[in-house]
């Protein structure tokens, strides 16, 4: 992963996006502290990582929300 200072990302943003589009991840860091503040990743990589894990309940429980799930305001306020 390539790390660029924030100011360079601002100046060359379109080039940075071309690199990301090519499949590269780009880290953005403050110039003075060198602290990484963000990472730009290709959309397909981000999309694959959206699945949530249950942590300690992995393999013991699952979450399913029905497509017809609904709750009235009264039910919400009384719960």
PDB file of N, CA and C in Angstrom:
ATOM      1  N   UNK A   1       0.855  -1.171   0.000  1.00  0.00           N
ATOM      2  CA  UNK A   1       0.000   0.000   0.000  1.00  0.00           C
ATOM      3  C   UNK A   1       0.899   1.230   0.000  1.00  0.00           C
ATOM      4  N   UNK A   2       0.568   2.147  -0.841  1.00  0.00           N
ATOM      5  CA  UNK A   2       1.313   3.397  -0.969  1.00  0.00           C
ATOM      6  C   UNK A   2       0.737   4.432  -0.003  1.00  0.00           C
ATOM      7  N   UNK A   3       1.603   5.178   0.670  1.00  0.00           N
ATOM      8  CA  UNK A   3       1.168   6.243   1.575  1.00  0.00           C
ATOM      9  C   UNK A   3       1.578   7.583   0.993  1.00  0.00           C
ATOM     10  N   UNK A   4       0.600   8.489   0.908  1.00  0.00           N
ATOM     11  CA  UNK A   4       0.856   9.820   0.371  1.00  0.00           C
ATOM     12  C   UNK A   4       0.472  10.875   1.402  1.00  0.00           C
ATOM     13  N   UNK A   5       1.210  11.991   1.426  1.00  0.00           N
ATOM     14  CA  UNK A   5       0.816  13.088   2.316  1.00  0.00           C
ATOM     15  C   UNK A   5      -0.468  13.744   1.799  1.00  0.00           C
ATOM     16  N   UNK A   6      -1.253  14.263   2.699  1.00  0.00           N
ATOM     17  CA  UNK A   6      -2.539  14.865   2.378  1.00  0.00           C
ATOM     18  C   UNK A   6      -2.432  15.925   1.280  1.00  0.00           C
ATOM     19  N   UNK A   7      -1.451  16.772   1.356  1.00  0.00           N
ATOM     20  CA  UNK A   7      -1.302  17.844   0.369  1.00  0.00           C
ATOM     21  C   UNK A   7      -1.066  17.277  -1.034  1.00  0.00           C
ATOM     22  N   UNK A   8      -0.306  16.212  -1.145  1.00  0.00           N
ATOM     23  CA  UNK A   8      -0.071  15.590  -2.453  1.00  0.00           C
ATOM     24  C   UNK A   8      -1.356  14.977  -2.998  1.00  0.00           C
ATOM     25  N   UNK A   9      -2.155  14.402  -2.131  1.00  0.00           N
ATOM     26  CA  UNK A   9      -3.445  13.838  -2.560  1.00  0.00           C
ATOM     27  C   UNK A   9      -4.348  14.949  -3.083  1.00  0.00           C
ATOM     28  N   UNK A  10      -4.355  16.089  -2.396  1.00  0.00           N
ATOM     29  CA  UNK A  10      -5.165  17.226  -2.849  1.00  0.00           C
ATOM     30  C   UNK A  10      -4.740  17.691  -4.232  1.00  0.00           C
ATOM     31  N   UNK A  11      -3.444  17.799  -4.440  1.00  0.00           N
ATOM     32  CA  UNK A  11      -2.911  18.324  -5.704  1.00  0.00           C
ATOM     33  C   UNK A  11      -3.136  17.339  -6.851  1.00  0.00           C
ATOM     34  N   UNK A  12      -2.931  16.050  -6.598  1.00  0.00           N
ATOM     35  CA  UNK A  12      -2.975  15.033  -7.658  1.00  0.00           C
ATOM     36  C   UNK A  12      -4.147  14.061  -7.473  1.00  0.00           C
ATOM     37  N   UNK A  13      -5.301  14.579  -7.049  1.00  0.00           N
ATOM     38  CA  UNK A  13      -6.431  13.719  -6.714  1.00  0.00           C
ATOM     39  C   UNK A  13      -6.864  12.828  -7.882  1.00  0.00           C
ATOM     40  N   UNK A  14      -6.923  13.365  -9.077  1.00  0.00           N
ATOM     41  CA  UNK A  14      -7.363  12.550 -10.216  1.00  0.00           C
ATOM     42  C   UNK A  14      -6.381  11.408 -10.487  1.00  0.00           C
ATOM     43  N   UNK A  15      -5.083  11.657 -10.305  1.00  0.00           N
ATOM     44  CA  UNK A  15      -4.097  10.584 -10.475  1.00  0.00           C
ATOM     45  C   UNK A  15      -4.231   9.528  -9.383  1.00  0.00           C
ATOM     46  N   UNK A  16      -4.523   9.966  -8.174  1.00  0.00           N
ATOM     47  CA  UNK A  16      -4.734   9.036  -7.058  1.00  0.00           C
ATOM     48  C   UNK A  16      -5.937   8.141  -7.373  1.00  0.00           C
ATOM     49  N   UNK A  17      -7.013   8.726  -7.868  1.00  0.00           N
ATOM     50  CA  UNK A  17      -8.194   7.942  -8.209  1.00  0.00           C
ATOM     51  C   UNK A  17      -7.914   6.943  -9.329  1.00  0.00           C
ATOM     52  N   UNK A  18      -7.062   7.316 -10.269  1.00  0.00           N
ATOM     53  CA  UNK A  18      -6.682   6.376 -11.342  1.00  0.00           C
ATOM     54  C   UNK A  18      -5.932   5.182 -10.769  1.00  0.00           C
ATOM     55  N   UNK A  19      -5.060   5.419  -9.800  1.00  0.00           N
ATOM     56  CA  UNK A  19      -4.339   4.319  -9.150  1.00  0.00           C
ATOM     57  C   UNK A  19      -5.296   3.412  -8.401  1.00  0.00           C
ATOM     58  N   UNK A  20      -6.251   4.000  -7.702  1.00  0.00           N
ATOM     59  CA  UNK A  20      -7.242   3.215  -6.965  1.00  0.00           C
ATOM     60  C   UNK A  20      -8.095   2.413  -7.942  1.00  0.00           C
ATOM     61  N   UNK A  21      -8.466   3.030  -9.038  1.00  0.00           N
ATOM     62  CA  UNK A  21      -9.256   2.342 -10.062  1.00  0.00           C
ATOM     63  C   UNK A  21      -8.495   1.142 -10.629  1.00  0.00           C
ATOM     64  N   UNK A  22      -7.168   1.248 -10.657  1.00  0.00           N
ATOM     65  CA  UNK A  22      -6.325   0.152 -11.147  1.00  0.00           C
ATOM     66  C   UNK A  22      -6.177  -0.968 -10.115  1.00  0.00           C
ATOM     67  N   UNK A  23      -6.755  -0.775  -8.917  1.00  0.00           N
ATOM     68  CA  UNK A  23      -6.730  -1.829  -7.909  1.00  0.00           C
ATOM     69  C   UNK A  23      -5.802  -1.577  -6.737  1.00  0.00           C
ATOM     70  N   UNK A  24      -5.136  -0.441  -6.704  1.00  0.00           N
ATOM     71  CA  UNK A  24      -4.211  -0.126  -5.618  1.00  0.00           C
ATOM     72  C   UNK A  24      -4.925   0.567  -4.458  1.00  0.00           C
ATOM     73  N   UNK A  25      -4.443   0.317  -3.246  1.00  0.00           N
ATOM     74  CA  UNK A  25      -4.944   1.015  -2.069  1.00  0.00           C
ATOM     75  C   UNK A  25      -3.977   2.149  -1.748  1.00  0.00           C
ATOM     76  N   UNK A  26      -4.513   3.310  -1.410  1.00  0.00           N
ATOM     77  CA  UNK A  26      -3.692   4.485  -1.112  1.00  0.00           C
ATOM     78  C   UNK A  26      -4.006   4.963   0.309  1.00  0.00           C
ATOM     79  N   UNK A  27      -2.981   5.044   1.136  1.00  0.00           N
ATOM     80  CA  UNK A  27      -3.132   5.589   2.487  1.00  0.00           C
ATOM     81  C   UNK A  27      -2.833   7.081   2.439  1.00  0.00           C
ATOM     82  N   UNK A  28      -3.576   7.849   3.222  1.00  0.00           N
ATOM     83  CA  UNK A  28      -3.380   9.296   3.302  1.00  0.00           C
ATOM     84  C   UNK A  28      -2.893   9.624   4.703  1.00  0.00           C
ATOM     85  N   UNK A  29      -1.797  10.386   4.772  1.00  0.00           N
ATOM     86  CA  UNK A  29      -1.206  10.703   6.069  1.00  0.00           C
ATOM     87  C   UNK A  29      -0.989  12.208   6.207  1.00  0.00           C
ATOM     88  N   UNK A  30      -1.020  12.666   7.459  1.00  0.00           N
ATOM     89  CA  UNK A  30      -0.639  14.049   7.734  1.00  0.00           C
ATOM     90  C   UNK A  30       0.848  14.183   7.435  1.00  0.00           C
ATOM     91  N   UNK A  31       1.209  15.293   6.834  1.00  0.00           N
ATOM     92  CA  UNK A  31       2.606  15.497   6.446  1.00  0.00           C
ATOM     93  C   UNK A  31       3.521  15.679   7.656  1.00  0.00           C
ATOM     94  N   UNK A  32       3.042  16.380   8.679  1.00  0.00           N
ATOM     95  CA  UNK A  32       3.908  16.685   9.820  1.00  0.00           C
ATOM     96  C   UNK A  32       4.093  15.488  10.751  1.00  0.00           C
ATOM     97  N   UNK A  33       3.024  14.784  11.062  1.00  0.00           N
ATOM     98  CA  UNK A  33       3.117  13.684  12.028  1.00  0.00           C
ATOM     99  C   UNK A  33       3.283  12.314  11.367  1.00  0.00           C
ATOM    100  N   UNK A  34       3.058  12.241  10.064  1.00  0.00           N
ATOM    101  CA  UNK A  34       3.117  10.975   9.306  1.00  0.00           C
ATOM    102  C   UNK A  34       2.053   9.988   9.769  1.00  0.00           C
ATOM    103  N   UNK A  35       1.051  10.462  10.534  1.00  0.00           N
ATOM    104  CA  UNK A  35      -0.022   9.616  11.030  1.00  0.00           C
ATOM    105  C   UNK A  35      -1.033   9.350   9.900  1.00  0.00           C
ATOM    106  N   UNK A  36      -1.312   8.071   9.634  1.00  0.00           N
ATOM    107  CA  UNK A  36      -2.283   7.713   8.602  1.00  0.00           C
ATOM    108  C   UNK A  36      -3.682   8.065   9.097  1.00  0.00           C
ATOM    109  N   UNK A  37      -4.428   8.794   8.262  1.00  0.00           N
ATOM    110  CA  UNK A  37      -5.762   9.232   8.663  1.00  0.00           C
ATOM    111  C   UNK A  37      -6.875   8.574   7.852  1.00  0.00           C
ATOM    112  N   UNK A  38      -6.527   8.004   6.687  1.00  0.00           N
ATOM    113  CA  UNK A  38      -7.557   7.376   5.852  1.00  0.00           C
ATOM    114  C   UNK A  38      -6.893   6.459   4.833  1.00  0.00           C
ATOM    115  N   UNK A  39      -7.700   5.580   4.274  1.00  0.00           N
ATOM    116  CA  UNK A  39      -7.238   4.710   3.201  1.00  0.00           C
ATOM    117  C   UNK A  39      -8.307   4.731   2.118  1.00  0.00           C
ATOM    118  N   UNK A  40      -7.882   4.945   0.887  1.00  0.00           N
ATOM    119  CA  UNK A  40      -8.795   4.878  -0.247  1.00  0.00           C
ATOM    120  C   UNK A  40      -8.599   3.504  -0.877  1.00  0.00           C
ATOM    121  N   UNK A  41      -9.688   2.750  -0.980  1.00  0.00           N
ATOM    122  CA  UNK A  41      -9.621   1.395  -1.543  1.00  0.00           C
ATOM    123  C   UNK A  41     -10.556   1.302  -2.740  1.00  0.00           C
ATOM    124  N   UNK A  42     -10.282   0.381  -3.663  1.00  0.00           N
ATOM    125  CA  UNK A  42     -11.199   0.185  -4.784  1.00  0.00           C
ATOM    126  C   UNK A  42     -12.584  -0.208  -4.268  1.00  0.00           C
ATOM    127  N   UNK A  43     -13.617   0.211  -4.961  1.00  0.00           N
ATOM    128  CA  UNK A  43     -14.990  -0.039  -4.538  1.00  0.00           C
ATOM    129  C   UNK A  43     -15.261  -1.535  -4.368  1.00  0.00           C
ATOM    130  N   UNK A  44     -14.785  -2.359  -5.270  1.00  0.00           N
ATOM    131  CA  UNK A  44     -15.044  -3.793  -5.180  1.00  0.00           C
ATOM    132  C   UNK A  44     -14.440  -4.394  -3.915  1.00  0.00           C
ATOM    133  N   UNK A  45     -13.290  -3.917  -3.484  1.00  0.00           N
ATOM    134  CA  UNK A  45     -12.666  -4.373  -2.238  1.00  0.00           C
ATOM    135  C   UNK A  45     -13.520  -3.956  -1.048  1.00  0.00           C
ATOM    136  N   UNK A  46     -13.955  -2.722  -1.041  1.00  0.00           N
ATOM    137  CA  UNK A  46     -14.800  -2.213   0.042  1.00  0.00           C
ATOM    138  C   UNK A  46     -16.112  -2.976   0.106  1.00  0.00           C
ATOM    139  N   UNK A  47     -16.708  -3.223  -1.053  1.00  0.00           N
ATOM    140  CA  UNK A  47     -18.001  -3.902  -1.127  1.00  0.00           C
ATOM    141  C   UNK A  47     -17.910  -5.326  -0.565  1.00  0.00           C
ATOM    142  N   UNK A  48     -16.799  -6.015  -0.794  1.00  0.00           N
ATOM    143  CA  UNK A  48     -16.617  -7.380  -0.301  1.00  0.00           C
ATOM    144  C   UNK A  48     -16.507  -7.419   1.220  1.00  0.00           C
ATOM    145  N   UNK A  49     -16.020  -6.354   1.832  1.00  0.00           N
ATOM    146  CA  UNK A  49     -15.798  -6.321   3.281  1.00  0.00           C
ATOM    147  C   UNK A  49     -17.006  -5.841   4.065  1.00  0.00           C
ATOM    148  N   UNK A  50     -18.165  -5.726   3.460  1.00  0.00           N
ATOM    149  CA  UNK A  50     -19.341  -5.213   4.147  1.00  0.00           C
ATOM    150  C   UNK A  50     -20.057  -6.277   4.985  1.00  0.00           C
ATOM    151  N   UNK A  51     -19.697  -7.549   4.846  1.00  0.00           N
ATOM    152  CA  UNK A  51     -20.357  -8.597   5.608  1.00  0.00           C
ATOM    153  C   UNK A  51     -19.974  -8.476   7.077  1.00  0.00           C
ATOM    154  N   UNK A  52     -20.952  -8.547   7.962  1.00  0.00           N
ATOM    155  CA  UNK A  52     -20.726  -8.414   9.400  1.00  0.00           C
ATOM    156  C   UNK A  52     -20.548  -9.785  10.027  1.00  0.00           C
ATOM    157  N   UNK A  53     -19.618  -9.892  10.934  1.00  0.00           N
ATOM    158  CA  UNK A  53     -19.391 -11.115  11.689  1.00  0.00           C
ATOM    159  C   UNK A  53     -20.045 -10.974  13.061  1.00  0.00           C
ATOM    160  N   UNK A  54     -20.434 -12.082  13.658  1.00  0.00           N
ATOM    161  CA  UNK A  54     -21.084 -12.058  14.961  1.00  0.00           C
ATOM    162  C   UNK A  54     -20.097 -12.172  16.120  1.00  0.00           C
ATOM    163  N   UNK A  55     -18.821 -12.256  15.853  1.00  0.00           N
ATOM    164  CA  UNK A  55     -17.816 -12.299  16.921  1.00  0.00           C
ATOM    165  C   UNK A  55     -17.921 -13.564  17.759  1.00  0.00           C
ATOM    166  N   UNK A  56     -18.147 -13.425  19.054  1.00  0.00           N
ATOM    167  CA  UNK A  56     -18.163 -14.581  19.954  1.00  0.00           C
ATOM    168  C   UNK A  56     -19.346 -15.507  19.691  1.00  0.00           C
ATOM    169  N   UNK A  57     -20.365 -15.037  18.985  1.00  0.00           N
ATOM    170  CA  UNK A  57     -21.514 -15.885  18.674  1.00  0.00           C
ATOM    171  C   UNK A  57     -21.394 -16.554  17.306  1.00  0.00           C
ATOM    172  N   UNK A  58     -20.247 -16.406  16.662  1.00  0.00           N
ATOM    173  CA  UNK A  58     -20.049 -17.000  15.343  1.00  0.00           C
ATOM    174  C   UNK A  58     -20.295 -18.505  15.415  1.00  0.00           C
ATOM    175  N   UNK A  59     -21.151 -18.999  14.534  1.00  0.00           N
ATOM    176  CA  UNK A  59     -21.477 -20.417  14.506  1.00  0.00           C
ATOM    177  C   UNK A  59     -22.565 -20.810  15.489  1.00  0.00           C
ATOM    178  N   UNK A  60     -22.941 -19.907  16.379  1.00  0.00           N
ATOM    179  CA  UNK A  60     -23.953 -20.197  17.397  1.00  0.00           C
ATOM    180  C   UNK A  60     -25.255 -19.452  17.142  1.00  0.00           C
ATOM    181  N   UNK A  61     -25.197 -18.378  16.379  1.00  0.00           N
ATOM    182  CA  UNK A  61     -26.394 -17.562  16.138  1.00  0.00           C
ATOM    183  C   UNK A  61     -26.302 -16.945  14.758  1.00  0.00           C
ATOM    184  N   UNK A  62     -27.441 -16.511  14.273  1.00  0.00           N
ATOM    185  CA  UNK A  62     -27.470 -15.796  13.001  1.00  0.00           C
ATOM    186  C   UNK A  62     -28.556 -14.728  13.064  1.00  0.00           C
ATOM    187  N   UNK A  63     -28.419 -13.741  12.183  1.00  0.00           N
ATOM    188  CA  UNK A  63     -29.369 -12.637  12.146  1.00  0.00           C
ATOM    189  C   UNK A  63     -30.066 -12.671  10.792  1.00  0.00           C
ATOM    190  N   UNK A  64     -31.378 -12.629  10.818  1.00  0.00           N
ATOM    191  CA  UNK A  64     -32.162 -12.550   9.590  1.00  0.00           C
ATOM    192  C   UNK A  64     -33.247 -11.505   9.791  1.00  0.00           C
ATOM    193  N   UNK A  65     -33.348 -10.567   8.870  1.00  0.00           N
ATOM    194  CA  UNK A  65     -34.420  -9.582   8.904  1.00  0.00           C
ATOM    195  C   UNK A  65     -35.373  -9.889   7.763  1.00  0.00           C
ATOM    196  N   UNK A  66     -36.628 -10.024   8.073  1.00  0.00           N
ATOM    197  CA  UNK A  66     -37.626 -10.307   7.053  1.00  0.00           C
ATOM    198  C   UNK A  66     -37.791  -9.106   6.136  1.00  0.00           C
ATOM    199  N   UNK A  67     -38.121  -9.375   4.889  1.00  0.00           N
ATOM    200  CA  UNK A  67     -38.315  -8.279   3.934  1.00  0.00           C
ATOM    201  C   UNK A  67     -39.580  -7.500   4.247  1.00  0.00           C
ATOM    202  N   UNK A  68     -40.527  -8.118   4.970  1.00  0.00           N
ATOM    203  CA  UNK A  68     -41.762  -7.441   5.318  1.00  0.00           C
ATOM    204  C   UNK A  68     -41.755  -6.951   6.767  1.00  0.00           C
ATOM    205  N   UNK A  69     -40.563  -6.745   7.325  1.00  0.00           N
ATOM    206  CA  UNK A  69     -40.428  -6.293   8.703  1.00  0.00           C
ATOM    207  C   UNK A  69     -41.041  -4.906   8.862  1.00  0.00           C
ATOM    208  N   UNK A  70     -41.885  -4.746   9.856  1.00  0.00           N
ATOM    209  CA  UNK A  70     -42.447  -3.423  10.138  1.00  0.00           C
ATOM    210  C   UNK A  70     -42.780  -3.319  11.621  1.00  0.00           C
ATOM    211  N   UNK A  71     -42.797  -2.092  12.103  1.00  0.00           N
ATOM    212  CA  UNK A  71     -43.102  -1.832  13.501  1.00  0.00           C
ATOM    213  C   UNK A  71     -43.836  -0.502  13.566  1.00  0.00           C
ATOM    214  N   UNK A  72     -44.885  -0.466  14.336  1.00  0.00           N
ATOM    215  CA  UNK A  72     -45.612   0.790  14.481  1.00  0.00           C
ATOM    216  C   UNK A  72     -44.864   1.699  15.444  1.00  0.00           C
ATOM    217  N   UNK A  73     -45.189   2.981  15.432  1.00  0.00           N
ATOM    218  CA  UNK A  73     -44.571   3.923  16.361  1.00  0.00           C
ATOM    219  C   UNK A  73     -44.860   3.524  17.800  1.00  0.00           C
ATOM    220  N   UNK A  74     -46.063   3.056  18.044  1.00  0.00           N
ATOM    221  CA  UNK A  74     -46.456   2.638  19.389  1.00  0.00           C
ATOM    222  C   UNK A  74     -45.615   1.464  19.866  1.00  0.00           C
ATOM    223  N   UNK A  75     -45.400   0.468  18.994  1.00  0.00           N
ATOM    224  CA  UNK A  75     -44.575  -0.680  19.353  1.00  0.00           C
ATOM    225  C   UNK A  75     -43.143  -0.244  19.656  1.00  0.00           C
ATOM    226  N   UNK A  76     -42.633   0.684  18.880  1.00  0.00           N
ATOM    227  CA  UNK A  76     -41.269   1.182  19.086  1.00  0.00           C
ATOM    228  C   UNK A  76     -41.141   1.900  20.428  1.00  0.00           C
ATOM    229  N   UNK A  77     -42.104   2.738  20.732  1.00  0.00           N
ATOM    230  CA  UNK A  77     -42.045   3.522  21.966  1.00  0.00           C
ATOM    231  C   UNK A  77     -42.266   2.670  23.212  1.00  0.00           C
ATOM    232  N   UNK A  78     -42.984   1.574  23.108  1.00  0.00           N
ATOM    233  CA  UNK A  78     -43.264   0.713  24.252  1.00  0.00           C
ATOM    234  C   UNK A  78     -42.205  -0.363  24.466  1.00  0.00           C
ATOM    235  N   UNK A  79     -41.260  -0.467  23.595  1.00  0.00           N
ATOM    236  CA  UNK A  79     -40.251  -1.540  23.766  1.00  0.00           C
ATOM    237  C   UNK A  79     -39.094  -1.128  24.625  1.00  0.00           C
TER     238      UNK A  79
END
